[in-house]
Amino acid sequence: ACLSTLSYAVNRKMLTAVKDHSRQNVIDMFRQQPRSAWVLIDGNEIECPVETLEKGHIVVVNAGETLAVDGVVVAGMALIDQRILTGESQPAEKESGDEVFALTTLLSGRLQVRVKKTGEETTAARIAQVLNCTIDIKTDMQLWVETMSDKTVLPTLLLGSAAFPFRGAIGSAALFYCHPFYKGIIAGAMDMLTFLNVTSRNGVLVKDGRTFELMQQVDTVVFDKTGTLTQEQPHIGQIYALPSYAEDDIVYYAATAETKQTHPIALAIQREAGLRHLELPDIEEAAYVVGYGISVKFANQVVQVGSPRFMEKEGLTIPVRLKAVQAESYAQGSSVIMVAVEHRVIGAIELRPTVRPEAAAVIRRLRQCGIASIYIISGDHEFPTKKLADELGLDRYFAETLPEQKAVLIQQLQRSGKSVCYVGDGINDAIALKEATVSISLRGASTVATDAAQVILMDESLRHLSQFFDLSQQFQNHVRTTFLAVLIPHFISMGGVFFFHLGFLPVFLLAQVGLLAGLLHALSPVSYPDHQIPTIPHMNRLGSLARPNSEDSTKKISPHRSNPLIPA
């Protein structure tokens, strides 16, 4: 009895120590930040402890050094290894205007970075906090083992007591020790740590460990359109102006209205204004309608920029010529925004989406993973949405959906018996993300969407999506094998006590062998699936969008913004 109690205590202590050690290995990867940084003060570089850094400080980082803060580059150019956050093998180019992140390393070059976040507020520290919480979330398999552990205590005691007349005290003690499930409780948690380690090192942040199991139920994947299947930043196509107005006038009014907005459409318009070297005035008043448009006032003029729906909602008449432009653009899969001055529509700007280069390959792989239905949902009009759905071979599309309608559609799909994985990235997607069985967001998404999602693809591309599906299948098999490795020797021991007169020592050794086998399997390396999905060579996935050629570029554009003015 003493040996049994001692063994239980030692095993419990050992398993807890292994779990804590594995937890620290996962979390510490995102906490190993530099202790000091070089701060630019009055033209001099002064080494300061990281704890003293504040928002607005200018930090100088040289080749070979690791960033200690999140911030924005204000001077210099560099190649940065951000593999620890995104899992991407290629270094990212950074220059003035780009965002950079703590724990990434400069491979070459030199940067001056304005501090935005330090310490526990940095992206790396937040990832560590999320992982720490995720580790404590128990999967259904773990909960089942805990339940069975409680439920089998009394039967094990009764079995041991019943064996006393036939096998004596040693046989009874051996049967008491054969209670298998308590060892599986912590051994099973090791699987979670192993898979979290694999995903976090490959640019997938899992915020809820149960997601690995929930992915097994998914039979339907619903994609948002803008920023998910298409690149978040649209590009400007044709610019249409009514007589007495020039193209520059249309861009001038649109860019002025959008000057304080940070969503991708606003940034595309601002970029066009920069390319045309237009000087924009300050606006006096602004009223933004999510999903529709914006109305501003400057120089005693009211300027309205938004979708045709927005113009109609405001009671404005769209000229016949611009309606024809709108129809032609929609037929080609593009969108348009209208520009009105003093309640008169004067022109339109065509917005052309760019399909993510990895989208088609990811969808093909999802089919191979057994996903029965793949849909697209968008606030855009039917023509561009249908064109994209046809191009990618999707089963169904939902067009012209408002934010609240997206959530209703997800609910309807799930009530019809489907288990939905929703992949989105905008503020309009936050409600839908919460309604889905599994929600996945890109890291470049708005804060709301990122907080709502259970899984975040950190490299701002879809290439890890199908790999995560495959990894989830591995997880289920991995956990099952771990539990079997722990449980089977215990059941063999029970039979051995009754039929082969095994004593306590053989039972003890068999149990330890099973426990060791379970731990070794739980902690064994897991290979990350390699689907050869194409990357996005023109995109710095963690900081900046595709750069225009230097000779025609006057403004940097970053995709880390809120949802578009017009869902497209």
Protein backbone atom coordinates (compact mmCIF):
# COMPACT_ATOMS: atom_id res chain seq x y z
CA ALA A 1 0.00 0.00 0.00
CA CYS A 2 2.88 2.35 0.87
CA LEU A 3 4.63 1.54 -2.41
CA SER A 4 1.39 2.11 -4.31
CA THR A 5 0.83 5.48 -2.64
CA LEU A 6 4.46 6.50 -3.15
CA SER A 7 4.33 5.46 -6.80
CA TYR A 8 1.15 7.48 -7.34
CA ALA A 9 2.71 10.57 -5.76
CA VAL A 10 5.95 10.23 -7.73
CA ASN A 11 4.11 9.67 -11.03
CA ARG A 12 1.87 12.64 -10.38
CA LYS A 13 4.83 14.84 -9.56
CA MET A 14 6.78 13.65 -12.59
CA LEU A 15 3.89 14.15 -14.99
CA THR A 16 3.19 17.63 -13.63
CA ALA A 17 6.88 18.55 -13.96
CA VAL A 18 6.99 17.32 -17.56
CA LYS A 19 3.81 19.25 -18.38
CA ASP A 20 5.14 22.44 -16.78
CA HIS A 21 8.44 22.06 -18.62
CA SER A 22 6.66 21.56 -21.95
CA ARG A 23 4.39 24.53 -21.22
CA GLN A 24 7.40 26.75 -20.59
CA ASN A 25 9.10 25.56 -23.78
CA VAL A 26 6.05 26.63 -25.79
CA ILE A 27 5.51 29.96 -24.02
CA ASP A 28 9.13 31.02 -23.52
CA MET A 29 9.65 30.94 -27.27
CA PHE A 30 7.59 34.16 -27.38
CA ARG A 31 9.02 35.75 -24.24
CA GLN A 32 12.76 35.65 -24.93
CA GLN A 33 13.06 39.33 -25.74
CA PRO A 34 16.21 41.47 -25.47
CA ARG A 35 16.92 43.10 -22.14
CA SER A 36 18.06 46.40 -23.65
CA ALA A 37 17.64 48.53 -26.76
CA TRP A 38 19.38 51.48 -28.37
CA VAL A 39 17.24 54.62 -28.10
CA LEU A 40 17.83 57.68 -30.27
CA ILE A 41 17.89 60.74 -27.99
CA ASP A 42 18.98 64.15 -29.34
CA GLY A 43 20.88 62.46 -32.16
CA ASN A 44 22.73 60.08 -29.83
CA GLU A 45 22.14 56.33 -29.45
CA ILE A 46 21.81 55.40 -25.79
CA GLU A 47 21.43 51.82 -24.53
CA CYS A 48 18.40 51.60 -22.24
CA PRO A 49 16.66 48.72 -20.44
CA VAL A 50 13.61 47.51 -22.35
CA GLU A 51 11.45 48.21 -19.29
CA THR A 52 12.11 51.95 -19.67
CA LEU A 53 10.93 52.18 -23.28
CA GLU A 54 7.75 54.15 -23.89
CA LYS A 55 5.42 54.72 -26.80
CA GLY A 56 6.92 57.28 -29.18
CA HIS A 57 10.58 56.51 -28.45
CA ILE A 58 12.79 55.97 -31.51
CA VAL A 59 14.70 52.68 -31.25
CA VAL A 60 17.70 51.93 -33.48
CA VAL A 61 18.14 48.30 -34.58
CA ASN A 62 21.17 46.99 -36.47
CA ALA A 63 21.81 43.78 -38.41
CA GLY A 64 21.96 40.73 -36.13
CA GLU A 65 19.87 42.32 -33.39
CA THR A 66 16.40 41.27 -32.24
CA LEU A 67 13.63 43.82 -31.93
CA ALA A 68 12.37 44.42 -28.41
CA VAL A 69 9.22 46.35 -29.35
CA ASP A 70 6.37 46.54 -31.81
CA GLY A 71 6.57 49.69 -33.87
CA VAL A 72 6.67 51.48 -37.21
CA VAL A 73 9.81 52.02 -39.26
CA VAL A 74 10.59 55.73 -39.60
CA ALA A 75 13.95 55.42 -41.37
CA GLY A 76 16.15 52.79 -42.98
CA MET A 77 15.69 49.54 -44.85
CA ALA A 78 16.29 45.97 -43.70
CA LEU A 79 15.61 42.29 -44.21
CA ILE A 80 13.86 40.79 -41.19
CA ASP A 81 13.48 37.17 -40.15
CA GLN A 82 9.96 36.95 -38.68
CA ARG A 83 9.69 33.17 -38.89
CA ILE A 84 8.98 32.89 -35.17
CA LEU A 85 5.70 34.79 -35.66
CA THR A 86 4.65 33.76 -39.16
CA GLY A 87 6.42 30.47 -39.86
CA GLU A 88 7.55 31.82 -43.26
CA SER A 89 11.02 30.83 -44.39
CA GLN A 90 11.73 33.90 -46.54
CA PRO A 91 12.86 37.14 -44.87
CA ALA A 92 10.59 40.17 -45.20
CA GLU A 93 11.72 43.51 -46.56
CA LYS A 94 10.98 46.47 -44.33
CA GLU A 95 11.25 50.18 -45.00
CA SER A 96 9.76 53.45 -43.81
CA GLY A 97 6.07 53.08 -42.97
CA ASP A 98 6.15 49.32 -42.38
CA GLU A 99 5.20 47.70 -39.10
CA VAL A 100 7.79 45.57 -37.29
CA PHE A 101 7.35 43.29 -34.32
CA ALA A 102 9.18 42.27 -31.18
CA LEU A 103 11.16 39.02 -31.31
CA THR A 104 11.90 39.32 -35.03
CA THR A 105 15.55 39.59 -36.08
CA LEU A 106 17.29 41.92 -38.52
CA LEU A 107 19.34 39.89 -41.00
CA SER A 108 20.75 42.91 -42.81
CA GLY A 109 20.33 46.65 -42.87
CA ARG A 110 19.52 49.17 -40.17
CA LEU A 111 16.21 50.57 -38.95
CA GLN A 112 14.90 53.38 -36.82
CA VAL A 113 11.63 52.28 -35.27
CA ARG A 114 9.03 54.39 -33.49
CA VAL A 115 7.77 52.40 -30.50
CA LYS A 116 4.06 51.51 -30.47
CA LYS A 117 3.96 48.65 -27.95
CA THR A 118 6.33 47.30 -25.34
CA GLY A 119 6.48 44.50 -22.80
CA GLU A 120 3.26 42.54 -22.34
CA GLU A 121 1.49 44.61 -25.01
CA THR A 122 3.64 43.34 -27.90
CA THR A 123 2.31 40.81 -30.36
CA ALA A 124 4.79 38.18 -29.18
CA ALA A 125 3.79 38.65 -25.53
CA ARG A 126 0.09 38.44 -26.41
CA ILE A 127 0.73 35.20 -28.26
CA ALA A 128 2.41 33.82 -25.13
CA GLN A 129 -0.61 34.85 -23.05
CA VAL A 130 -3.01 33.18 -25.48
CA LEU A 131 -0.98 29.97 -25.55
CA ASN A 132 -0.82 29.91 -21.76
CA CYS A 133 -4.62 30.04 -21.61
CA THR A 134 -5.03 27.56 -24.46
CA ILE A 135 -2.90 24.95 -22.70
CA ASP A 136 -5.37 24.91 -19.79
CA ILE A 137 -8.39 24.33 -22.05
CA LYS A 138 -9.28 20.65 -21.98
CA THR A 139 -10.36 18.73 -25.05
CA ASP A 140 -13.38 16.43 -25.04
CA MET A 141 -11.04 13.44 -24.92
CA GLN A 142 -9.33 14.79 -21.81
CA LEU A 143 -12.67 15.52 -20.15
CA TRP A 144 -13.82 11.98 -20.97
CA VAL A 145 -10.69 10.52 -19.39
CA GLU A 146 -11.20 12.62 -16.26
CA THR A 147 -14.84 11.53 -16.04
CA MET A 148 -13.88 7.89 -16.49
CA SER A 149 -11.15 8.28 -13.89
CA ASP A 150 -13.74 9.39 -11.34
CA LYS A 151 -16.32 6.80 -12.36
CA THR A 152 -13.92 3.84 -12.25
CA VAL A 153 -12.50 4.50 -8.79
CA LEU A 154 -15.26 2.60 -6.98
CA PRO A 155 -15.33 -0.33 -9.46
CA THR A 156 -11.56 -0.65 -9.12
CA LEU A 157 -11.82 -0.72 -5.32
CA LEU A 158 -14.59 -3.31 -5.50
CA LEU A 159 -12.59 -5.41 -7.95
CA GLY A 160 -9.54 -5.30 -5.71
CA SER A 161 -11.62 -6.21 -2.66
CA ALA A 162 -13.29 -9.08 -4.54
CA ALA A 163 -9.87 -10.44 -5.49
CA PHE A 164 -8.65 -10.54 -1.88
CA PRO A 165 -10.04 -14.05 -1.07
CA PHE A 166 -8.44 -15.47 -4.23
CA ARG A 167 -5.20 -13.51 -4.71
CA GLY A 168 -4.51 -12.17 -1.23
CA ALA A 169 -3.40 -8.73 -0.15
CA ILE A 170 -0.70 -8.42 -2.83
CA GLY A 171 -3.16 -9.26 -5.59
CA SER A 172 -5.66 -6.74 -4.23
CA ALA A 173 -2.99 -4.03 -4.01
CA ALA A 174 -1.92 -4.81 -7.56
CA LEU A 175 -5.50 -4.40 -8.79
CA PHE A 176 -5.87 -1.14 -6.88
CA TYR A 177 -2.76 0.10 -8.68
CA CYS A 178 -4.21 -0.96 -12.05
CA HIS A 179 -6.64 1.95 -12.02
CA PRO A 180 -5.56 3.35 -15.40
CA PHE A 181 -7.19 6.67 -16.05
CA TYR A 182 -5.43 8.99 -13.62
CA LYS A 183 -2.16 8.58 -15.52
CA GLY A 184 -3.93 9.37 -18.77
CA ILE A 185 -5.17 12.73 -17.46
CA ILE A 186 -1.81 14.49 -17.62
CA ALA A 187 -0.32 12.29 -20.33
CA GLY A 188 -3.15 13.42 -22.62
CA ALA A 189 -2.35 17.07 -21.93
CA MET A 190 1.11 16.50 -23.42
CA ASP A 191 -0.44 15.96 -26.84
CA MET A 192 -2.00 19.41 -26.68
CA LEU A 193 1.36 20.96 -25.82
CA THR A 194 3.08 19.12 -28.65
CA PHE A 195 0.58 20.28 -31.25
CA LEU A 196 0.47 23.85 -29.93
CA ASN A 197 4.24 23.92 -30.24
CA VAL A 198 4.03 22.75 -33.87
CA THR A 199 1.28 25.19 -34.88
CA SER A 200 2.79 28.22 -33.13
CA ARG A 201 6.17 27.59 -34.77
CA ASN A 202 4.51 27.45 -38.18
CA GLY A 203 2.49 30.65 -38.01
CA VAL A 204 -0.84 29.29 -36.73
CA LEU A 205 -2.07 30.65 -33.39
CA VAL A 206 -4.65 28.35 -31.78
CA LYS A 207 -6.59 30.19 -29.08
CA ASP A 208 -8.87 27.29 -28.12
CA GLY A 209 -7.41 23.78 -27.89
CA ARG A 210 -10.81 22.23 -28.50
CA THR A 211 -10.51 23.50 -32.07
CA PHE A 212 -8.34 20.49 -32.92
CA GLU A 213 -11.30 18.24 -32.15
CA LEU A 214 -13.99 20.53 -33.58
CA MET A 215 -12.20 20.56 -36.93
CA GLN A 216 -13.03 16.86 -37.23
CA GLN A 217 -16.73 17.77 -37.31
CA VAL A 218 -16.41 20.42 -40.03
CA ASP A 219 -17.97 19.50 -43.37
CA THR A 220 -18.57 23.03 -44.69
CA VAL A 221 -16.12 25.91 -45.11
CA VAL A 222 -17.48 29.41 -45.67
CA PHE A 223 -15.04 32.08 -46.87
CA ASP A 224 -15.46 35.80 -46.65
CA LYS A 225 -14.46 37.45 -49.93
CA THR A 226 -12.47 40.63 -49.37
CA GLY A 227 -9.18 40.12 -47.58
CA THR A 228 -9.71 36.36 -47.43
CA LEU A 229 -10.12 34.86 -50.90
CA THR A 230 -9.05 38.13 -52.46
CA GLN A 231 -6.17 40.24 -51.27
CA GLU A 232 -7.31 42.81 -48.77
CA GLN A 233 -6.03 45.76 -50.75
CA PRO A 234 -7.97 46.35 -54.00
CA HIS A 235 -6.36 48.30 -56.79
CA ILE A 236 -7.85 51.21 -58.67
CA GLY A 237 -9.05 50.44 -62.19
CA GLN A 238 -10.78 53.02 -64.36
CA ILE A 239 -11.82 56.43 -63.06
CA TYR A 240 -14.97 57.89 -64.59
CA ALA A 241 -15.81 61.60 -64.43
CA LEU A 242 -18.87 63.45 -65.67
CA PRO A 243 -18.37 66.42 -68.01
CA SER A 244 -16.77 69.48 -66.40
CA TYR A 245 -14.80 67.23 -64.03
CA ALA A 246 -11.41 65.56 -64.52
CA GLU A 247 -10.17 62.23 -63.18
CA ASP A 248 -7.98 64.10 -60.70
CA ASP A 249 -11.08 65.86 -59.36
CA ILE A 250 -12.80 62.54 -58.65
CA VAL A 251 -9.72 61.16 -56.89
CA TYR A 252 -9.24 64.45 -54.99
CA TYR A 253 -12.75 64.45 -53.54
CA ALA A 254 -12.72 60.71 -52.79
CA ALA A 255 -9.29 60.81 -51.13
CA THR A 256 -10.22 63.87 -49.08
CA ALA A 257 -13.33 62.12 -47.78
CA GLU A 258 -11.27 59.03 -46.93
CA THR A 259 -8.23 60.86 -45.58
CA LYS A 260 -8.79 59.76 -41.97
CA GLN A 261 -10.07 56.27 -42.79
CA THR A 262 -7.83 53.23 -42.56
CA HIS A 263 -9.75 50.46 -44.31
CA PRO A 264 -8.31 48.96 -47.53
CA ILE A 265 -10.52 50.84 -50.00
CA ALA A 266 -9.65 54.15 -48.35
CA LEU A 267 -5.97 53.26 -48.51
CA ALA A 268 -6.23 52.34 -52.19
CA ILE A 269 -7.80 55.73 -52.92
CA GLN A 270 -5.22 57.54 -50.79
CA ARG A 271 -2.47 55.72 -52.66
CA GLU A 272 -3.93 56.82 -56.00
CA ALA A 273 -4.01 60.41 -54.76
CA GLY A 274 -0.38 60.09 -53.76
CA LEU A 275 0.58 58.75 -57.17
CA ARG A 276 -1.14 61.77 -58.72
CA HIS A 277 0.63 64.11 -56.26
CA LEU A 278 -2.64 65.62 -55.02
CA GLU A 279 -2.58 67.80 -51.91
CA LEU A 280 -5.56 67.07 -49.70
CA PRO A 281 -7.27 69.56 -47.35
CA ASP A 282 -8.41 68.85 -43.80
CA ILE A 283 -12.02 67.78 -43.34
CA GLU A 284 -14.34 69.43 -40.83
CA GLU A 285 -17.02 66.79 -40.21
CA ALA A 286 -17.39 63.12 -41.07
CA ALA A 287 -20.16 60.53 -40.77
CA TYR A 288 -19.31 56.90 -41.60
CA VAL A 289 -21.93 54.22 -42.25
CA VAL A 290 -20.45 50.71 -41.89
CA GLY A 291 -20.86 48.74 -45.09
CA TYR A 292 -22.18 51.71 -47.09
CA GLY A 293 -20.14 54.91 -47.29
CA ILE A 294 -18.97 58.17 -45.75
CA SER A 295 -20.15 61.77 -45.81
CA VAL A 296 -17.74 64.63 -45.00
CA LYS A 297 -17.72 68.40 -45.07
CA PHE A 298 -14.82 70.65 -46.05
CA ALA A 299 -14.49 74.09 -47.67
CA ASN A 300 -18.25 74.54 -47.24
CA GLN A 301 -18.89 71.52 -49.46
CA VAL A 302 -20.56 68.22 -48.62
CA VAL A 303 -18.77 65.25 -50.20
CA GLN A 304 -20.20 61.75 -50.16
CA VAL A 305 -18.26 58.64 -51.14
CA GLY A 306 -19.66 55.14 -51.12
CA SER A 307 -21.52 52.35 -52.81
CA PRO A 308 -24.45 52.92 -55.18
CA ARG A 309 -26.63 51.66 -52.31
CA PHE A 310 -25.24 54.45 -50.15
CA MET A 311 -26.05 57.07 -52.77
CA GLU A 312 -29.61 55.79 -53.12
CA LYS A 313 -29.94 55.65 -49.34
CA GLU A 314 -28.91 59.32 -49.24
CA GLY A 315 -31.54 60.15 -51.85
CA LEU A 316 -29.05 60.92 -54.64
CA THR A 317 -29.67 60.11 -58.30
CA ILE A 318 -26.97 58.18 -60.13
CA PRO A 319 -26.56 59.43 -63.74
CA VAL A 320 -27.39 56.97 -66.51
CA ARG A 321 -23.80 57.01 -67.76
CA LEU A 322 -22.46 55.97 -64.36
CA LYS A 323 -25.12 53.29 -64.03
CA ALA A 324 -23.81 51.84 -67.30
CA VAL A 325 -20.27 52.01 -65.91
CA GLN A 326 -21.48 50.25 -62.78
CA ALA A 327 -23.14 47.45 -64.77
CA GLU A 328 -20.07 46.96 -66.96
CA SER A 329 -17.74 46.84 -63.95
CA TYR A 330 -19.94 44.34 -62.13
CA ALA A 331 -20.06 42.14 -65.22
CA GLN A 332 -16.25 42.03 -65.16
CA GLY A 333 -16.14 41.16 -61.47
CA SER A 334 -15.11 44.63 -60.27
CA SER A 335 -16.83 47.03 -57.89
CA VAL A 336 -17.41 50.76 -58.08
CA ILE A 337 -17.73 53.52 -55.57
CA MET A 338 -19.55 56.72 -56.37
CA VAL A 339 -18.39 60.25 -55.57
CA ALA A 340 -20.90 63.05 -54.96
CA VAL A 341 -20.33 66.75 -54.29
CA GLU A 342 -23.11 68.93 -52.91
CA HIS A 343 -25.57 66.04 -53.27
CA ARG A 344 -24.78 65.49 -56.95
CA VAL A 345 -22.99 62.36 -58.17
CA ILE A 346 -20.03 63.49 -60.29
CA GLY A 347 -18.01 60.35 -60.92
CA ALA A 348 -17.09 56.79 -60.05
CA ILE A 349 -13.96 54.81 -59.22
CA GLU A 350 -13.56 51.18 -60.27
CA LEU A 351 -12.08 48.82 -57.68
CA ARG A 352 -10.56 45.62 -58.97
CA PRO A 353 -10.01 42.71 -56.58
CA THR A 354 -7.02 40.39 -56.85
CA VAL A 355 -7.57 36.73 -56.03
CA ARG A 356 -4.99 35.39 -53.60
CA PRO A 357 -2.49 33.25 -55.55
CA GLU A 358 -2.80 30.43 -53.01
CA ALA A 359 -6.62 30.37 -52.95
CA ALA A 360 -7.21 27.81 -55.71
CA ALA A 361 -4.61 25.38 -54.35
CA VAL A 362 -6.00 25.68 -50.82
CA ILE A 363 -9.55 24.95 -51.99
CA ARG A 364 -8.39 21.90 -53.96
CA ARG A 365 -6.63 20.61 -50.87
CA LEU A 366 -9.72 21.18 -48.71
CA ARG A 367 -11.65 18.98 -51.13
CA GLN A 368 -9.02 16.29 -50.66
CA CYS A 369 -9.40 16.66 -46.88
CA GLY A 370 -13.04 15.63 -47.24
CA ILE A 371 -14.78 19.02 -47.05
CA ALA A 372 -18.12 18.47 -48.77
CA SER A 373 -19.23 22.09 -49.26
CA ILE A 374 -17.24 25.28 -49.80
CA TYR A 375 -19.12 28.59 -50.01
CA ILE A 376 -18.29 32.26 -50.37
CA ILE A 377 -20.14 35.06 -48.59
CA SER A 378 -19.74 38.73 -49.46
CA GLY A 379 -21.28 42.15 -49.09
CA ASP A 380 -20.39 42.72 -52.72
CA HIS A 381 -22.87 42.48 -55.57
CA GLU A 382 -23.79 39.25 -57.30
CA PHE A 383 -21.73 39.55 -60.48
CA PRO A 384 -18.25 39.83 -58.89
CA THR A 385 -19.14 37.31 -56.18
CA LYS A 386 -20.45 34.78 -58.71
CA LYS A 387 -17.43 35.30 -60.95
CA LEU A 388 -15.04 34.54 -58.10
CA ALA A 389 -17.08 31.51 -57.00
CA ASP A 390 -17.00 30.14 -60.55
CA GLU A 391 -13.30 30.86 -60.93
CA LEU A 392 -12.43 28.92 -57.75
CA GLY A 393 -14.98 26.16 -58.25
CA LEU A 394 -17.00 26.90 -55.12
CA ASP A 395 -20.32 25.18 -54.47
CA ARG A 396 -22.41 28.23 -53.62
CA TYR A 397 -22.16 31.96 -53.08
CA PHE A 398 -24.05 34.54 -51.02
CA ALA A 399 -23.88 38.11 -52.31
CA GLU A 400 -24.96 41.51 -50.97
CA THR A 401 -25.01 40.32 -47.36
CA LEU A 402 -24.87 42.86 -44.55
CA PRO A 403 -22.83 42.10 -41.39
CA GLU A 404 -25.78 40.80 -39.38
CA GLN A 405 -26.95 38.70 -42.34
CA LYS A 406 -23.63 36.84 -42.42
CA ALA A 407 -24.26 35.54 -38.90
CA VAL A 408 -27.83 34.56 -39.82
CA LEU A 409 -26.57 32.58 -42.82
CA ILE A 410 -24.06 30.72 -40.64
CA GLN A 411 -26.86 29.90 -38.18
CA GLN A 412 -29.10 28.65 -41.00
CA LEU A 413 -26.35 26.41 -42.38
CA GLN A 414 -25.73 24.90 -38.95
CA ARG A 415 -29.43 24.37 -38.29
CA SER A 416 -29.61 22.47 -41.59
CA GLY A 417 -27.14 19.97 -40.15
CA LYS A 418 -23.86 21.38 -41.42
CA SER A 419 -20.83 21.99 -39.24
CA VAL A 420 -19.32 25.26 -40.42
CA CYS A 421 -15.79 26.60 -40.39
CA TYR A 422 -15.94 30.34 -41.14
CA VAL A 423 -12.84 32.06 -42.50
CA GLY A 424 -12.99 35.85 -42.38
CA ASP A 425 -10.97 38.87 -41.43
CA GLY A 426 -13.02 42.04 -41.10
CA ILE A 427 -15.03 43.91 -38.53
CA ASN A 428 -18.11 42.87 -40.52
CA ASP A 429 -17.15 39.23 -39.85
CA ALA A 430 -16.97 39.39 -36.06
CA ILE A 431 -20.55 38.20 -35.46
CA ALA A 432 -20.28 35.40 -38.03
CA LEU A 433 -16.96 34.28 -36.53
CA LYS A 434 -18.66 33.76 -33.18
CA GLU A 435 -21.56 31.79 -34.68
CA ALA A 436 -19.46 29.19 -36.51
CA THR A 437 -18.33 25.83 -35.13
CA VAL A 438 -14.75 26.85 -35.91
CA SER A 439 -13.67 30.40 -36.71
CA ILE A 440 -10.42 31.26 -38.46
CA SER A 441 -9.00 34.72 -39.06
CA LEU A 442 -5.93 36.16 -40.74
CA ARG A 443 -3.53 38.12 -38.57
CA GLY A 444 -3.92 41.20 -40.73
CA ALA A 445 -7.54 41.37 -39.62
CA SER A 446 -9.17 43.99 -37.46
CA THR A 447 -8.82 43.63 -33.70
CA VAL A 448 -12.43 42.56 -33.26
CA ALA A 449 -12.14 39.73 -35.77
CA THR A 450 -8.84 38.59 -34.31
CA ASP A 451 -10.33 38.48 -30.82
CA ALA A 452 -13.40 36.57 -32.00
CA ALA A 453 -11.57 33.87 -33.95
CA GLN A 454 -10.45 30.58 -32.44
CA VAL A 455 -7.54 30.25 -34.87
CA ILE A 456 -5.39 32.99 -36.39
CA LEU A 457 -3.29 32.45 -39.51
CA MET A 458 -0.35 34.67 -38.66
CA ASP A 459 1.24 35.06 -42.08
CA GLU A 460 -1.82 36.76 -43.61
CA SER A 461 -2.28 34.04 -46.20
CA LEU A 462 -4.49 30.97 -46.55
CA ARG A 463 -1.68 28.51 -47.21
CA HIS A 464 -1.80 27.15 -43.64
CA LEU A 465 -5.56 26.50 -43.74
CA SER A 466 -5.55 23.08 -45.39
CA GLN A 467 -2.45 22.16 -43.39
CA PHE A 468 -4.31 22.94 -40.18
CA PHE A 469 -7.14 20.64 -41.29
CA ASP A 470 -4.64 17.83 -41.83
CA LEU A 471 -2.92 18.55 -38.53
CA SER A 472 -6.25 18.36 -36.70
CA GLN A 473 -6.77 14.87 -38.09
CA GLN A 474 -3.31 13.92 -36.85
CA PHE A 475 -4.19 15.32 -33.42
CA GLN A 476 -7.16 13.01 -32.94
CA ASN A 477 -5.13 9.95 -33.87
CA HIS A 478 -2.18 11.11 -31.78
CA VAL A 479 -4.28 11.58 -28.64
CA ARG A 480 -6.03 8.26 -29.10
CA THR A 481 -2.72 6.42 -29.45
CA THR A 482 -1.33 8.14 -26.35
CA PHE A 483 -4.28 7.04 -24.22
CA LEU A 484 -4.14 3.49 -25.58
CA ALA A 485 -0.42 3.31 -24.80
CA VAL A 486 -1.20 4.24 -21.19
CA LEU A 487 -4.38 2.18 -20.75
CA ILE A 488 -3.60 -1.14 -22.46
CA PRO A 489 -0.77 -2.22 -20.08
CA HIS A 490 -3.10 -1.54 -17.13
CA PHE A 491 -5.83 -3.76 -18.55
CA ILE A 492 -3.24 -6.44 -19.31
CA SER A 493 -2.12 -6.19 -15.70
CA MET A 494 -5.69 -6.74 -14.47
CA GLY A 495 -5.97 -9.89 -16.52
CA GLY A 496 -2.52 -10.96 -15.37
CA VAL A 497 -3.48 -10.68 -11.71
CA PHE A 498 -6.50 -12.96 -12.14
CA PHE A 499 -5.21 -15.48 -14.66
CA PHE A 500 -1.42 -15.50 -14.27
CA HIS A 501 -1.08 -14.67 -10.56
CA LEU A 502 0.97 -11.53 -11.24
CA GLY A 503 2.19 -9.79 -8.12
CA PHE A 504 2.51 -6.10 -7.38
CA LEU A 505 6.00 -5.64 -8.87
CA PRO A 506 5.18 -6.96 -12.39
CA VAL A 507 1.98 -4.89 -12.38
CA PHE A 508 3.93 -1.84 -11.24
CA LEU A 509 6.54 -2.32 -14.00
CA LEU A 510 3.88 -2.86 -16.68
CA ALA A 511 2.10 0.32 -15.60
CA GLN A 512 5.34 2.31 -15.72
CA VAL A 513 6.13 0.96 -19.17
CA GLY A 514 2.68 2.05 -20.36
CA LEU A 515 3.06 5.48 -18.82
CA LEU A 516 6.51 5.93 -20.35
CA ALA A 517 5.25 4.79 -23.76
CA GLY A 518 2.34 7.22 -23.56
CA LEU A 519 4.57 10.13 -22.59
CA LEU A 520 7.13 9.36 -25.29
CA HIS A 521 4.38 9.20 -27.89
CA ALA A 522 2.70 12.39 -26.65
CA LEU A 523 5.99 14.28 -26.79
CA SER A 524 7.18 12.71 -30.05
CA PRO A 525 7.84 15.16 -32.91
CA VAL A 526 4.86 15.87 -35.16
CA SER A 527 5.54 16.65 -38.80
CA TYR A 528 3.82 19.75 -40.12
CA PRO A 529 1.97 18.94 -43.38
CA ASP A 530 3.69 20.27 -46.50
CA HIS A 531 1.12 20.89 -49.22
CA GLN A 532 3.38 22.96 -51.46
CA ILE A 533 0.89 25.84 -51.41
CA PRO A 534 2.26 28.88 -53.29
CA THR A 535 3.26 31.84 -51.17
CA ILE A 536 2.64 35.51 -51.94
CA PRO A 537 6.00 36.83 -53.13
CA HIS A 538 4.84 40.45 -53.47
CA MET A 539 3.57 40.70 -49.94
CA ASN A 540 5.35 41.30 -46.66
CA ARG A 541 2.91 39.17 -44.74
CA LEU A 542 3.28 40.72 -41.34
CA GLY A 543 3.75 44.33 -42.16
CA SER A 544 3.16 45.75 -45.61
CA LEU A 545 1.32 45.19 -48.80
CA ALA A 546 2.77 44.90 -52.28
CA ARG A 547 4.96 47.90 -52.94
CA PRO A 548 4.61 49.91 -56.11
CA ASN A 549 7.75 50.68 -58.05
CA SER A 550 9.83 53.28 -56.30
CA GLU A 551 9.66 55.71 -59.21
CA ASP A 552 5.87 56.05 -58.97
CA SER A 553 5.39 55.55 -55.26
CA THR A 554 4.77 58.38 -52.86
CA LYS A 555 3.00 56.67 -50.01
CA LYS A 556 3.29 53.40 -48.12
CA ILE A 557 0.18 51.31 -47.71
CA SER A 558 -0.35 48.86 -44.86
CA PRO A 559 -3.08 46.21 -44.81
CA HIS A 560 -3.49 46.12 -41.05
CA ARG A 561 -6.72 48.05 -41.15
CA SER A 562 -10.44 47.76 -40.58
CA ASN A 563 -13.06 46.48 -43.01
CA PRO A 564 -13.65 48.14 -46.40
CA LEU A 565 -16.02 51.01 -46.93
CA ILE A 566 -17.95 48.83 -49.36
CA PRO A 567 -17.80 45.08 -48.73
CA ALA A 568 -16.22 43.80 -51.91
